[in-house]
N, C-alpha and C. Protein backbone atom coordinates (compact mmCIF):
# COMPACT_ATOMS: atom_id res chain seq x y z
N MET A 1 -16.41 1.49 4.11
CA MET A 1 -15.99 0.82 2.90
C MET A 1 -16.82 1.29 1.71
N ALA A 2 -18.11 1.41 1.91
CA ALA A 2 -18.98 1.83 0.82
C ALA A 2 -18.62 3.22 0.32
N ALA A 3 -18.23 4.11 1.24
CA ALA A 3 -17.84 5.47 0.85
C ALA A 3 -16.58 5.44 -0.01
N ARG A 4 -15.61 4.62 0.36
CA ARG A 4 -14.37 4.51 -0.43
C ARG A 4 -14.65 3.92 -1.80
N LEU A 5 -15.55 2.94 -1.86
CA LEU A 5 -15.91 2.35 -3.14
C LEU A 5 -16.65 3.36 -4.02
N SER A 6 -17.45 4.22 -3.41
CA SER A 6 -18.12 5.29 -4.17
C SER A 6 -17.10 6.23 -4.79
N GLU A 7 -16.05 6.56 -4.03
CA GLU A 7 -14.98 7.41 -4.56
C GLU A 7 -14.29 6.73 -5.74
N MET A 8 -14.04 5.43 -5.61
CA MET A 8 -13.43 4.68 -6.72
C MET A 8 -14.34 4.67 -7.93
N GLN A 9 -15.64 4.55 -7.69
CA GLN A 9 -16.62 4.51 -8.79
C GLN A 9 -16.55 5.81 -9.59
N ALA A 10 -16.26 6.92 -8.93
CA ALA A 10 -16.14 8.20 -9.63
C ALA A 10 -14.89 8.25 -10.51
N LEU A 11 -13.87 7.48 -10.15
CA LEU A 11 -12.62 7.48 -10.91
C LEU A 11 -12.59 6.46 -12.04
N TYR A 12 -13.16 5.30 -11.80
CA TYR A 12 -13.02 4.19 -12.73
C TYR A 12 -14.36 3.80 -13.34
N ASP A 13 -14.30 3.30 -14.57
CA ASP A 13 -15.51 2.88 -15.26
C ASP A 13 -16.16 1.68 -14.57
N ARG A 14 -15.35 0.73 -14.17
CA ARG A 14 -15.86 -0.48 -13.53
C ARG A 14 -15.05 -0.74 -12.27
N CYS A 15 -15.73 -0.94 -11.17
CA CYS A 15 -15.05 -1.25 -9.91
C CYS A 15 -15.39 -2.68 -9.51
N ILE A 16 -14.37 -3.35 -9.02
CA ILE A 16 -14.53 -4.74 -8.60
C ILE A 16 -13.93 -4.88 -7.21
N LEU A 17 -14.64 -5.58 -6.34
CA LEU A 17 -14.17 -5.86 -4.99
C LEU A 17 -13.95 -7.36 -4.89
N ILE A 18 -12.77 -7.75 -4.46
CA ILE A 18 -12.48 -9.18 -4.24
C ILE A 18 -12.43 -9.41 -2.74
N VAL A 19 -13.31 -10.28 -2.26
CA VAL A 19 -13.36 -10.63 -0.84
C VAL A 19 -12.66 -11.98 -0.71
N GLU A 20 -11.54 -11.99 0.00
CA GLU A 20 -10.75 -13.21 0.15
C GLU A 20 -10.96 -13.79 1.54
N ALA A 21 -11.20 -15.09 1.60
CA ALA A 21 -11.40 -15.78 2.88
C ALA A 21 -10.11 -15.73 3.69
N ASP A 22 -10.27 -15.72 5.01
CA ASP A 22 -9.11 -15.76 5.89
C ASP A 22 -8.36 -17.06 5.70
N ARG A 23 -7.05 -16.99 5.88
CA ARG A 23 -6.23 -18.21 5.81
C ARG A 23 -6.50 -19.08 7.02
N VAL A 24 -6.43 -20.37 6.80
CA VAL A 24 -6.58 -21.32 7.90
C VAL A 24 -5.24 -21.41 8.62
N LYS A 25 -5.27 -21.18 9.92
CA LYS A 25 -4.04 -21.23 10.71
C LYS A 25 -3.63 -22.67 10.94
N ALA A 26 -2.34 -22.86 11.16
CA ALA A 26 -1.82 -24.20 11.41
C ALA A 26 -2.50 -24.80 12.63
N GLY A 27 -2.92 -26.04 12.51
CA GLY A 27 -3.58 -26.73 13.61
C GLY A 27 -5.08 -26.53 13.66
N GLN A 28 -5.62 -25.68 12.79
CA GLN A 28 -7.06 -25.48 12.74
C GLN A 28 -7.61 -26.10 11.48
N GLU A 29 -8.83 -26.59 11.58
CA GLU A 29 -9.49 -27.11 10.39
C GLU A 29 -10.24 -25.99 9.71
N LYS A 30 -10.37 -26.13 8.40
CA LYS A 30 -11.15 -25.15 7.66
C LYS A 30 -12.61 -25.28 8.05
N SER A 31 -13.21 -24.15 8.38
CA SER A 31 -14.61 -24.14 8.81
C SER A 31 -15.53 -24.49 7.64
N LYS A 32 -16.56 -25.23 7.94
CA LYS A 32 -17.55 -25.57 6.92
C LYS A 32 -18.45 -24.37 6.62
N LYS A 33 -18.52 -23.46 7.58
CA LYS A 33 -19.35 -22.27 7.41
C LYS A 33 -18.66 -21.35 6.41
N THR A 34 -19.31 -21.06 5.29
CA THR A 34 -18.68 -20.26 4.24
C THR A 34 -18.83 -18.76 4.44
N TRP A 35 -19.89 -18.35 5.13
CA TRP A 35 -20.13 -16.92 5.27
C TRP A 35 -20.88 -16.66 6.56
N HIS A 36 -20.41 -15.71 7.32
CA HIS A 36 -21.06 -15.36 8.58
C HIS A 36 -21.90 -14.12 8.34
N HIS A 37 -23.22 -14.28 8.37
CA HIS A 37 -24.13 -13.15 8.17
C HIS A 37 -24.44 -12.47 9.49
N ASN A 38 -24.39 -11.17 9.46
CA ASN A 38 -24.88 -10.37 10.58
C ASN A 38 -25.38 -9.05 9.99
N LYS A 39 -25.92 -8.22 10.82
CA LYS A 39 -26.53 -6.97 10.34
C LYS A 39 -25.49 -6.10 9.62
N TYR A 40 -24.29 -6.02 10.16
CA TYR A 40 -23.24 -5.19 9.56
C TYR A 40 -22.88 -5.70 8.16
N VAL A 41 -22.68 -7.00 8.03
CA VAL A 41 -22.33 -7.59 6.73
C VAL A 41 -23.45 -7.35 5.73
N ASP A 42 -24.68 -7.59 6.13
CA ASP A 42 -25.81 -7.42 5.23
C ASP A 42 -25.96 -5.96 4.79
N THR A 43 -25.79 -5.02 5.73
CA THR A 43 -25.89 -3.60 5.40
C THR A 43 -24.78 -3.19 4.45
N THR A 44 -23.56 -3.62 4.73
CA THR A 44 -22.43 -3.29 3.87
C THR A 44 -22.62 -3.85 2.47
N MET A 45 -23.05 -5.11 2.37
CA MET A 45 -23.27 -5.73 1.07
C MET A 45 -24.35 -5.00 0.27
N SER A 46 -25.42 -4.58 0.94
CA SER A 46 -26.48 -3.87 0.22
C SER A 46 -26.00 -2.51 -0.27
N GLN A 47 -25.16 -1.83 0.52
CA GLN A 47 -24.61 -0.55 0.09
C GLN A 47 -23.69 -0.73 -1.13
N ILE A 48 -22.88 -1.76 -1.09
CA ILE A 48 -21.96 -2.03 -2.21
C ILE A 48 -22.73 -2.35 -3.48
N ILE A 49 -23.77 -3.13 -3.35
CA ILE A 49 -24.58 -3.49 -4.51
C ILE A 49 -25.26 -2.26 -5.10
N GLN A 50 -25.71 -1.35 -4.24
CA GLN A 50 -26.38 -0.13 -4.71
C GLN A 50 -25.45 0.77 -5.52
N ILE A 51 -24.15 0.75 -5.22
CA ILE A 51 -23.24 1.61 -5.99
C ILE A 51 -22.64 0.85 -7.18
N ARG A 52 -23.20 -0.30 -7.47
CA ARG A 52 -22.86 -1.08 -8.67
C ARG A 52 -21.39 -1.49 -8.72
N VAL A 53 -20.92 -2.08 -7.65
CA VAL A 53 -19.58 -2.65 -7.60
C VAL A 53 -19.73 -4.15 -7.72
N LYS A 54 -18.97 -4.73 -8.63
CA LYS A 54 -19.03 -6.18 -8.82
C LYS A 54 -18.19 -6.83 -7.72
N ILE A 55 -18.73 -7.88 -7.11
CA ILE A 55 -18.04 -8.55 -6.00
C ILE A 55 -17.68 -9.97 -6.41
N TYR A 56 -16.40 -10.32 -6.20
CA TYR A 56 -15.92 -11.68 -6.40
C TYR A 56 -15.48 -12.22 -5.05
N PHE A 57 -15.71 -13.51 -4.84
CA PHE A 57 -15.29 -14.15 -3.60
C PHE A 57 -14.17 -15.14 -3.94
N SER A 58 -13.16 -15.15 -3.08
CA SER A 58 -12.00 -15.99 -3.30
C SER A 58 -11.70 -16.77 -2.03
N ASP A 59 -11.24 -18.01 -2.20
CA ASP A 59 -10.91 -18.86 -1.06
C ASP A 59 -9.45 -18.81 -0.65
N SER A 60 -8.58 -18.24 -1.53
CA SER A 60 -7.15 -18.25 -1.23
C SER A 60 -6.43 -17.16 -2.02
N MET A 61 -5.17 -16.93 -1.63
CA MET A 61 -4.36 -15.96 -2.36
C MET A 61 -4.15 -16.41 -3.80
N ASP A 62 -3.98 -17.71 -4.00
CA ASP A 62 -3.79 -18.23 -5.36
C ASP A 62 -5.03 -17.96 -6.22
N GLN A 63 -6.19 -18.17 -5.66
CA GLN A 63 -7.42 -17.92 -6.41
C GLN A 63 -7.58 -16.42 -6.69
N THR A 64 -7.21 -15.58 -5.73
CA THR A 64 -7.27 -14.14 -5.93
C THR A 64 -6.30 -13.72 -7.04
N ALA A 65 -5.10 -14.28 -7.03
CA ALA A 65 -4.12 -13.99 -8.07
C ALA A 65 -4.64 -14.41 -9.44
N ALA A 66 -5.28 -15.56 -9.50
CA ALA A 66 -5.85 -16.03 -10.77
C ALA A 66 -6.96 -15.09 -11.24
N LEU A 67 -7.79 -14.63 -10.31
CA LEU A 67 -8.85 -13.68 -10.65
C LEU A 67 -8.26 -12.38 -11.19
N LEU A 68 -7.25 -11.86 -10.51
CA LEU A 68 -6.61 -10.62 -10.96
C LEU A 68 -5.97 -10.79 -12.33
N SER A 69 -5.34 -11.93 -12.55
CA SER A 69 -4.73 -12.20 -13.85
C SER A 69 -5.78 -12.23 -14.95
N GLU A 70 -6.89 -12.89 -14.68
CA GLU A 70 -7.98 -12.97 -15.67
C GLU A 70 -8.55 -11.58 -15.95
N LEU A 71 -8.74 -10.79 -14.91
CA LEU A 71 -9.25 -9.42 -15.09
C LEU A 71 -8.28 -8.57 -15.92
N CYS A 72 -6.99 -8.75 -15.69
CA CYS A 72 -5.97 -8.03 -16.48
C CYS A 72 -6.04 -8.44 -17.95
N HIS A 73 -6.21 -9.72 -18.22
CA HIS A 73 -6.33 -10.20 -19.60
C HIS A 73 -7.58 -9.62 -20.28
N ILE A 74 -8.67 -9.55 -19.54
CA ILE A 74 -9.91 -8.98 -20.10
C ILE A 74 -9.69 -7.51 -20.44
N GLU A 75 -9.07 -6.77 -19.54
CA GLU A 75 -8.81 -5.35 -19.79
C GLU A 75 -7.86 -5.16 -20.97
N ALA A 76 -6.87 -6.04 -21.09
CA ALA A 76 -5.93 -5.96 -22.21
C ALA A 76 -6.65 -6.19 -23.54
N LYS A 77 -7.59 -7.14 -23.57
CA LYS A 77 -8.35 -7.40 -24.79
C LYS A 77 -9.19 -6.20 -25.18
N LYS A 78 -9.61 -5.41 -24.19
CA LYS A 78 -10.40 -4.21 -24.45
C LYS A 78 -9.51 -3.01 -24.80
N GLY A 79 -8.20 -3.22 -24.82
CA GLY A 79 -7.28 -2.13 -25.13
C GLY A 79 -7.03 -1.21 -23.94
N ARG A 80 -7.26 -1.70 -22.74
CA ARG A 80 -7.11 -0.87 -21.56
C ARG A 80 -5.93 -1.30 -20.68
N ALA A 81 -5.03 -2.06 -21.24
CA ALA A 81 -3.87 -2.49 -20.47
C ALA A 81 -2.89 -1.32 -20.32
N LEU A 82 -2.12 -1.36 -19.27
CA LEU A 82 -1.09 -0.35 -19.06
C LEU A 82 0.08 -0.72 -19.96
N THR A 83 0.31 0.11 -20.97
CA THR A 83 1.32 -0.22 -21.98
C THR A 83 2.59 0.61 -21.84
N VAL A 84 2.66 1.41 -20.79
CA VAL A 84 3.86 2.24 -20.57
C VAL A 84 4.59 1.71 -19.34
N PRO A 85 5.90 1.94 -19.29
CA PRO A 85 6.66 1.48 -18.11
C PRO A 85 6.21 2.20 -16.84
N THR A 86 6.31 1.51 -15.73
CA THR A 86 5.96 2.13 -14.46
C THR A 86 7.18 2.75 -13.78
N SER A 87 8.37 2.44 -14.28
CA SER A 87 9.58 3.05 -13.72
C SER A 87 9.78 4.43 -14.35
N LEU A 88 10.07 5.41 -13.51
CA LEU A 88 10.18 6.79 -13.97
C LEU A 88 11.48 7.41 -13.51
N ASN A 89 11.99 8.36 -14.30
CA ASN A 89 13.14 9.13 -13.84
C ASN A 89 12.64 10.26 -12.95
N SER A 90 13.52 11.03 -12.37
CA SER A 90 13.11 12.05 -11.39
C SER A 90 12.22 13.13 -12.02
N ARG A 91 12.50 13.53 -13.26
CA ARG A 91 11.68 14.53 -13.93
C ARG A 91 10.27 14.00 -14.15
N GLN A 92 10.16 12.75 -14.59
CA GLN A 92 8.86 12.14 -14.82
C GLN A 92 8.09 11.97 -13.50
N GLU A 93 8.80 11.67 -12.42
CA GLU A 93 8.14 11.54 -11.12
C GLU A 93 7.53 12.86 -10.68
N GLU A 94 8.22 13.98 -10.95
CA GLU A 94 7.68 15.30 -10.61
C GLU A 94 6.44 15.61 -11.44
N ILE A 95 6.48 15.28 -12.73
CA ILE A 95 5.32 15.49 -13.59
C ILE A 95 4.16 14.62 -13.12
N LEU A 96 4.46 13.37 -12.75
CA LEU A 96 3.42 12.47 -12.26
C LEU A 96 2.76 13.03 -11.00
N LYS A 97 3.56 13.55 -10.08
CA LYS A 97 3.00 14.13 -8.85
C LYS A 97 2.04 15.27 -9.19
N PHE A 98 2.42 16.11 -10.16
CA PHE A 98 1.53 17.21 -10.56
C PHE A 98 0.25 16.67 -11.18
N ILE A 99 0.36 15.74 -12.10
CA ILE A 99 -0.81 15.22 -12.80
C ILE A 99 -1.78 14.56 -11.82
N LEU A 100 -1.24 13.89 -10.81
CA LEU A 100 -2.11 13.22 -9.83
C LEU A 100 -2.84 14.21 -8.92
N THR A 101 -2.48 15.49 -8.96
CA THR A 101 -3.23 16.50 -8.20
C THR A 101 -4.48 16.94 -8.96
N ILE A 102 -4.57 16.58 -10.23
CA ILE A 102 -5.74 16.93 -11.03
C ILE A 102 -6.89 16.02 -10.60
N PRO A 103 -8.04 16.60 -10.26
CA PRO A 103 -9.17 15.77 -9.79
C PRO A 103 -9.58 14.71 -10.81
N ARG A 104 -9.89 13.52 -10.29
CA ARG A 104 -10.42 12.39 -11.05
C ARG A 104 -9.46 11.80 -12.08
N VAL A 105 -8.17 12.04 -11.93
CA VAL A 105 -7.18 11.41 -12.80
C VAL A 105 -6.64 10.18 -12.08
N THR A 106 -6.70 9.03 -12.75
CA THR A 106 -6.24 7.79 -12.15
C THR A 106 -4.75 7.61 -12.38
N VAL A 107 -4.14 6.70 -11.63
CA VAL A 107 -2.71 6.43 -11.79
C VAL A 107 -2.39 5.94 -13.20
N PRO A 108 -3.14 4.99 -13.77
CA PRO A 108 -2.83 4.58 -15.15
C PRO A 108 -2.92 5.74 -16.15
N GLN A 109 -3.93 6.59 -16.01
CA GLN A 109 -4.05 7.74 -16.90
C GLN A 109 -2.86 8.68 -16.71
N ALA A 110 -2.49 8.92 -15.47
CA ALA A 110 -1.35 9.80 -15.19
C ALA A 110 -0.06 9.24 -15.78
N LEU A 111 0.15 7.93 -15.64
CA LEU A 111 1.35 7.32 -16.23
C LEU A 111 1.37 7.46 -17.74
N ASN A 112 0.23 7.26 -18.37
CA ASN A 112 0.16 7.44 -19.82
C ASN A 112 0.50 8.88 -20.21
N LEU A 113 -0.05 9.84 -19.48
CA LEU A 113 0.24 11.25 -19.78
C LEU A 113 1.72 11.57 -19.57
N VAL A 114 2.30 11.05 -18.51
CA VAL A 114 3.73 11.30 -18.24
C VAL A 114 4.59 10.81 -19.39
N HIS A 115 4.26 9.64 -19.93
CA HIS A 115 5.08 9.06 -21.00
C HIS A 115 4.79 9.67 -22.37
N HIS A 116 3.69 10.39 -22.51
CA HIS A 116 3.36 10.97 -23.81
C HIS A 116 3.52 12.49 -23.87
N TYR A 117 3.86 13.10 -22.75
CA TYR A 117 4.14 14.54 -22.72
C TYR A 117 5.51 14.75 -22.09
N HIS A 118 6.30 15.59 -22.70
CA HIS A 118 7.65 15.84 -22.20
C HIS A 118 7.68 16.91 -21.12
N SER A 119 6.61 17.67 -21.00
CA SER A 119 6.58 18.72 -19.98
C SER A 119 5.12 19.02 -19.61
N ILE A 120 4.97 19.69 -18.50
CA ILE A 120 3.64 20.11 -18.06
C ILE A 120 3.11 21.16 -19.03
N ALA A 121 3.99 22.03 -19.52
CA ALA A 121 3.56 23.06 -20.48
C ALA A 121 2.98 22.43 -21.74
N GLU A 122 3.59 21.35 -22.20
CA GLU A 122 3.07 20.65 -23.39
C GLU A 122 1.68 20.08 -23.11
N LEU A 123 1.49 19.53 -21.92
CA LEU A 123 0.18 19.01 -21.53
C LEU A 123 -0.85 20.13 -21.48
N ILE A 124 -0.48 21.25 -20.88
CA ILE A 124 -1.41 22.37 -20.75
C ILE A 124 -1.84 22.91 -22.12
N SER A 125 -0.93 22.90 -23.08
CA SER A 125 -1.26 23.45 -24.40
C SER A 125 -1.98 22.45 -25.30
N SER A 126 -2.24 21.24 -24.81
CA SER A 126 -2.92 20.20 -25.60
C SER A 126 -4.42 20.41 -25.65
N SER A 127 -5.01 19.87 -26.69
CA SER A 127 -6.47 19.87 -26.84
C SER A 127 -7.06 18.72 -26.04
N PRO A 128 -8.35 18.78 -25.73
CA PRO A 128 -8.98 17.65 -25.04
C PRO A 128 -8.84 16.33 -25.82
N GLY A 129 -8.90 16.40 -27.14
CA GLY A 129 -8.76 15.20 -27.95
C GLY A 129 -7.39 14.56 -27.80
N ALA A 130 -6.35 15.40 -27.77
CA ALA A 130 -4.99 14.88 -27.59
C ALA A 130 -4.82 14.29 -26.20
N ILE A 131 -5.39 14.95 -25.20
CA ILE A 131 -5.30 14.44 -23.83
C ILE A 131 -6.01 13.09 -23.74
N GLN A 132 -7.16 12.98 -24.39
CA GLN A 132 -7.91 11.72 -24.39
C GLN A 132 -7.09 10.60 -25.02
N GLU A 133 -6.50 10.89 -26.16
CA GLU A 133 -5.73 9.86 -26.88
C GLU A 133 -4.47 9.48 -26.11
N ARG A 134 -3.71 10.47 -25.68
CA ARG A 134 -2.44 10.18 -25.00
C ARG A 134 -2.63 9.63 -23.60
N GLY A 135 -3.70 10.05 -22.92
CA GLY A 135 -3.96 9.57 -21.57
C GLY A 135 -4.77 8.29 -21.53
N ARG A 136 -5.25 7.87 -22.71
CA ARG A 136 -6.10 6.68 -22.84
C ARG A 136 -7.26 6.76 -21.85
N MET A 137 -8.03 7.86 -21.98
CA MET A 137 -9.15 8.11 -21.09
C MET A 137 -10.38 8.46 -21.88
N THR A 138 -11.50 8.54 -21.21
CA THR A 138 -12.74 8.90 -21.89
C THR A 138 -12.72 10.37 -22.28
N ALA A 139 -13.58 10.73 -23.21
CA ALA A 139 -13.67 12.12 -23.64
C ALA A 139 -14.07 13.01 -22.47
N GLU A 140 -14.97 12.52 -21.62
CA GLU A 140 -15.40 13.28 -20.45
C GLU A 140 -14.23 13.55 -19.49
N SER A 141 -13.41 12.53 -19.25
CA SER A 141 -12.25 12.70 -18.37
C SER A 141 -11.24 13.67 -18.97
N ALA A 142 -11.00 13.55 -20.27
CA ALA A 142 -10.05 14.45 -20.94
C ALA A 142 -10.54 15.89 -20.89
N GLN A 143 -11.83 16.09 -21.09
CA GLN A 143 -12.40 17.44 -21.03
C GLN A 143 -12.25 18.01 -19.62
N SER A 144 -12.45 17.17 -18.62
CA SER A 144 -12.30 17.59 -17.22
C SER A 144 -10.86 18.02 -16.93
N VAL A 145 -9.89 17.24 -17.43
CA VAL A 145 -8.47 17.59 -17.26
C VAL A 145 -8.17 18.91 -17.95
N HIS A 146 -8.64 19.06 -19.17
CA HIS A 146 -8.41 20.29 -19.95
C HIS A 146 -9.01 21.49 -19.23
N GLN A 147 -10.23 21.36 -18.73
CA GLN A 147 -10.86 22.47 -18.01
C GLN A 147 -10.10 22.82 -16.75
N PHE A 148 -9.63 21.82 -16.02
CA PHE A 148 -8.87 22.07 -14.81
C PHE A 148 -7.59 22.84 -15.13
N LEU A 149 -6.90 22.42 -16.18
CA LEU A 149 -5.63 23.06 -16.54
C LEU A 149 -5.83 24.49 -17.05
N HIS A 150 -7.02 24.81 -17.54
CA HIS A 150 -7.28 26.15 -18.08
C HIS A 150 -8.20 26.98 -17.20
N HIS A 151 -8.45 26.52 -16.00
CA HIS A 151 -9.31 27.25 -15.08
C HIS A 151 -8.57 28.50 -14.60
N GLU A 152 -9.27 29.63 -14.61
CA GLU A 152 -8.68 30.87 -14.11
C GLU A 152 -9.07 31.03 -12.65
N PHE A 153 -8.08 31.04 -11.80
CA PHE A 153 -8.32 31.16 -10.38
C PHE A 153 -8.35 32.63 -9.98
N ASP A 154 -9.19 32.96 -9.02
CA ASP A 154 -9.31 34.32 -8.51
C ASP A 154 -8.15 34.56 -7.54
N LEU A 155 -7.23 35.43 -7.92
CA LEU A 155 -6.05 35.68 -7.09
C LEU A 155 -6.40 36.25 -5.73
N GLN A 156 -7.57 36.90 -5.60
CA GLN A 156 -7.97 37.43 -4.30
C GLN A 156 -8.30 36.32 -3.32
N MET A 157 -8.55 35.14 -3.83
CA MET A 157 -8.86 34.00 -2.97
C MET A 157 -7.59 33.34 -2.41
N MET A 158 -6.44 33.73 -2.93
CA MET A 158 -5.17 33.17 -2.48
C MET A 158 -4.79 33.78 -1.14
N PRO A 159 -4.15 32.99 -0.27
CA PRO A 159 -3.73 33.55 1.02
C PRO A 159 -2.61 34.58 0.81
N ASP A 160 -2.58 35.58 1.69
CA ASP A 160 -1.53 36.60 1.61
C ASP A 160 -0.21 35.96 2.00
N SER A 161 0.83 36.25 1.23
CA SER A 161 2.16 35.73 1.57
C SER A 161 2.88 36.80 2.38
N LYS A 162 3.28 36.45 3.57
CA LYS A 162 3.96 37.43 4.45
C LYS A 162 5.31 36.94 4.83
């Protein structure tokens, strides 16, 4: 889990983990014990804390939904809400698939780029500043995308086509 959270940390500015309690099955009483500590849990929690992931605890699906809603409102206030439609036509889906092959590009960034560029060629010919603005990403991320799109690959490294 810690390794996957580290990967997320490389993609996103802030990572949050929501730990939701198990549902109480019919005929069982809710346990008074709130948390079961063991070596595995303690080790995992210390690893998560070291990679600076914020942890929220939830008692139910409703509480988790409320937490997610609140987090969405906070992100919207910061201007980081997803403001483009998530439904795509077939051409946009193909562009999205390509953009998601670019290292460290998140789904929200890719969706923003899909809706602000009409073709891959238009994206490739863009400046890092335009990619940053249209993709709603950091300058560092936009520069990384620009460098990836303009990287010259050594054709000798390509496999022979037979």
